[in-house]
């Protein structure tokens, strides 16, 4: 699962960052690891809702194929069970750096995931064709431990992708 580092971001928001396991020698959609969101730390009161910003980043060694990153909510830090897809981002073979950002708004009845503008400091351009925006009204149990999972799918087994996953949490928007 890699190394997890707790952080306090500006304004006192809580979050974490993890250096995940590299994905190499495969073209399967492979969970690189996840970050735990502890039970009952997400507000679902309906009057004030939680916002989570998630960033998946990757550095790829090799330019043999495209690289696809997928973000999920799951009850485990992998793809077992029934993970809920939060979004997909595909980078072209020539791009060795990419950043994939989602903003998750959670209230009493819905989980709505929006794409966010990516930083311009990557060599991967932001384009709508490379991403999927998911609106999910499925019941996600925020009263139990939950994981943010980042999966990587290399377009060629000759490439090696090293991802990181980061999130920060705010309340009251």
Protein backbone atom coordinates (compact mmCIF):
# COMPACT_ATOMS: atom_id res chain seq x y z
CA UNK A 1 0.00 0.00 0.00
CA UNK A 2 2.99 2.33 0.22
CA UNK A 3 3.78 5.07 2.68
CA UNK A 4 1.01 7.21 4.18
CA UNK A 5 1.72 10.67 5.57
CA UNK A 6 -0.87 12.62 7.56
CA UNK A 7 -1.09 16.32 6.81
CA UNK A 8 -2.90 19.44 7.88
CA UNK A 9 -3.53 21.66 4.89
CA UNK A 10 -4.17 25.45 4.99
CA UNK A 11 -7.19 26.48 7.02
CA UNK A 12 -6.95 23.44 9.31
CA UNK A 13 -8.41 20.93 6.85
CA UNK A 14 -7.42 17.34 7.49
CA UNK A 15 -6.04 15.05 4.85
CA UNK A 16 -3.34 12.58 3.91
CA UNK A 17 -0.95 11.70 1.13
CA UNK A 18 0.37 8.27 0.16
CA UNK A 19 3.18 7.10 -2.07
CA UNK A 20 1.57 4.03 -3.63
CA UNK A 21 3.00 0.82 -5.05
CA UNK A 22 4.41 1.04 -8.56
CA UNK A 23 2.52 -0.78 -11.31
CA UNK A 24 4.82 -2.58 -13.73
CA UNK A 25 4.89 -5.54 -16.14
CA UNK A 26 1.09 -5.62 -16.52
CA UNK A 27 -1.70 -4.03 -18.52
CA UNK A 28 -4.42 -4.99 -16.02
CA UNK A 29 -6.31 -2.35 -14.02
CA UNK A 30 -4.25 -2.68 -10.82
CA UNK A 31 -4.92 -1.11 -7.41
CA UNK A 32 -1.78 0.74 -6.41
CA UNK A 33 -3.12 1.34 -2.89
CA UNK A 34 -5.48 3.53 -0.96
CA UNK A 35 -5.97 6.09 1.77
CA UNK A 36 -8.20 5.38 4.76
CA UNK A 37 -11.03 7.76 5.58
CA UNK A 38 -11.92 6.86 9.15
CA UNK A 39 -15.55 6.07 9.96
CA UNK A 40 -17.76 9.07 10.82
CA UNK A 41 -15.22 11.70 9.73
CA UNK A 42 -17.35 12.67 6.72
CA UNK A 43 -20.26 14.96 7.56
CA UNK A 44 -23.60 13.84 6.10
CA UNK A 45 -25.93 16.03 8.17
CA UNK A 46 -27.72 17.54 5.17
CA UNK A 47 -27.36 21.11 6.43
CA UNK A 48 -23.59 21.21 6.17
CA UNK A 49 -21.84 18.90 3.77
CA UNK A 50 -18.31 17.64 3.35
CA UNK A 51 -15.99 18.37 0.49
CA UNK A 52 -13.02 16.17 -0.35
CA UNK A 53 -10.45 17.08 -2.96
CA UNK A 54 -8.56 14.09 -4.33
CA UNK A 55 -5.42 14.20 -6.47
CA UNK A 56 -3.90 11.19 -8.14
CA UNK A 57 -0.49 11.78 -9.68
CA UNK A 58 1.77 9.54 -11.66
CA UNK A 59 5.26 9.43 -13.08
CA UNK A 60 5.71 6.88 -15.85
CA UNK A 61 8.98 5.31 -16.95
CA UNK A 62 8.68 4.39 -20.61
CA UNK A 63 6.53 5.69 -23.44
CA UNK A 64 5.30 2.40 -24.95
CA UNK A 65 1.61 2.90 -24.13
CA UNK A 66 -1.07 5.14 -22.64
CA UNK A 67 -1.64 5.18 -18.88
CA UNK A 68 -5.10 5.21 -17.29
CA UNK A 69 -5.70 6.15 -13.65
CA UNK A 70 -9.02 5.39 -11.92
CA UNK A 71 -10.21 6.59 -8.50
CA UNK A 72 -12.61 4.58 -6.36
CA UNK A 73 -14.31 4.53 -2.96
CA UNK A 74 -14.14 1.02 -1.50
CA UNK A 75 -14.38 -0.79 1.83
CA UNK A 76 -10.87 -2.21 1.29
CA UNK A 77 -7.67 -0.56 -0.05
CA UNK A 78 -7.89 -2.57 -3.28
CA UNK A 79 -10.47 -3.49 -5.96
CA UNK A 80 -12.12 -6.42 -4.18
CA UNK A 81 -15.84 -6.23 -3.44
CA UNK A 82 -17.85 -3.49 -5.12
CA UNK A 83 -15.70 -0.38 -5.56
CA UNK A 84 -17.51 2.84 -6.58
CA UNK A 85 -15.80 4.55 -9.53
CA UNK A 86 -15.15 8.27 -8.97
CA UNK A 87 -13.50 8.98 -12.30
CA UNK A 88 -11.07 7.99 -15.01
CA UNK A 89 -8.14 9.84 -16.57
CA UNK A 90 -6.07 8.61 -19.54
CA UNK A 91 -2.71 10.07 -20.54
CA UNK A 92 -1.10 9.56 -23.91
CA UNK A 93 1.95 7.30 -24.23
CA UNK A 94 4.36 10.23 -24.59
CA UNK A 95 3.24 11.92 -21.35
CA UNK A 96 5.31 10.69 -18.44
CA UNK A 97 3.66 12.93 -15.80
CA UNK A 98 -0.03 13.35 -15.13
CA UNK A 99 -2.31 14.72 -12.44
CA UNK A 100 -5.93 13.68 -11.99
CA UNK A 101 -8.17 15.78 -9.71
CA UNK A 102 -11.68 15.17 -8.37
CA UNK A 103 -13.80 17.19 -5.97
CA UNK A 104 -16.31 15.08 -4.03
CA UNK A 105 -19.32 16.81 -2.43
CA UNK A 106 -21.16 14.71 0.13
CA UNK A 107 -24.48 15.50 1.78
CA UNK A 108 -27.16 13.42 3.51
CA UNK A 109 -28.54 11.86 0.33
CA UNK A 110 -25.94 12.21 -2.45
CA UNK A 111 -22.30 11.89 -3.35
CA UNK A 112 -21.55 14.09 -6.34
CA UNK A 113 -18.12 13.97 -7.98
CA UNK A 114 -16.89 16.82 -10.15
CA UNK A 115 -13.76 17.08 -12.21
CA UNK A 116 -11.49 19.93 -11.17
CA UNK A 117 -8.97 21.90 -13.19
CA UNK A 118 -5.59 20.23 -13.18
CA UNK A 119 -2.37 22.10 -12.52
CA UNK A 120 -0.50 23.24 -15.58
CA UNK A 121 2.78 21.91 -14.17
CA UNK A 122 2.32 18.48 -15.74
CA UNK A 123 3.15 17.53 -19.30
CA UNK A 124 -0.34 16.08 -19.70
CA UNK A 125 -2.93 18.46 -21.09
CA UNK A 126 -6.37 18.75 -19.53
CA UNK A 127 -9.06 17.54 -21.89
CA UNK A 128 -12.60 16.31 -21.41
CA UNK A 129 -12.06 13.21 -23.56
CA UNK A 130 -9.58 11.83 -21.02
CA UNK A 131 -11.89 12.01 -17.99
CA UNK A 132 -15.24 10.78 -16.76
CA UNK A 133 -17.43 12.70 -14.30
CA UNK A 134 -19.50 10.43 -12.07
CA UNK A 135 -22.67 11.46 -10.20
CA UNK A 136 -23.42 8.83 -7.62
CA UNK A 137 -26.55 8.65 -5.50
CA UNK A 138 -25.68 5.08 -4.47
CA UNK A 139 -25.63 4.43 -0.76
CA UNK A 140 -22.06 4.86 0.45
CA UNK A 141 -21.65 4.07 4.14
CA UNK A 142 -19.65 6.94 5.64
CA UNK A 143 -20.25 5.53 9.13
CA UNK A 144 -17.78 2.72 8.32
CA UNK A 145 -14.12 2.92 7.37
CA UNK A 146 -13.79 3.83 3.70
CA UNK A 147 -10.80 3.90 1.36
CA UNK A 148 -9.92 6.14 -1.53
CA UNK A 149 -8.26 3.76 -3.99
CA UNK A 150 -6.12 4.68 -6.99
CA UNK A 151 -5.76 2.08 -9.73
CA UNK A 152 -3.34 2.25 -12.65
CA UNK A 153 -3.64 0.54 -16.01
CA UNK A 154 -0.59 0.72 -18.24
CA UNK A 155 -1.20 0.51 -21.98
CA UNK A 156 2.01 -1.49 -22.32
CA UNK A 157 3.62 -3.96 -19.92
CA UNK A 158 6.95 -2.34 -20.84
CA UNK A 159 6.00 0.82 -18.89
CA UNK A 160 6.36 1.35 -15.13
CA UNK A 161 4.04 3.81 -13.36
CA UNK A 162 4.70 5.24 -9.88
CA UNK A 163 1.57 6.93 -8.45
CA UNK A 164 0.78 9.06 -5.41
CA UNK A 165 -2.65 9.78 -3.94
CA UNK A 166 -3.55 12.87 -1.91
CA UNK A 167 -6.72 14.21 -0.35
CA UNK A 168 -7.84 17.05 1.88
CA UNK A 169 -11.19 17.38 3.62
CA UNK A 170 -13.20 20.50 4.40
CA UNK A 171 -16.65 21.14 5.84
CA UNK A 172 -19.32 23.78 5.63
CA UNK A 173 -19.75 24.81 2.03
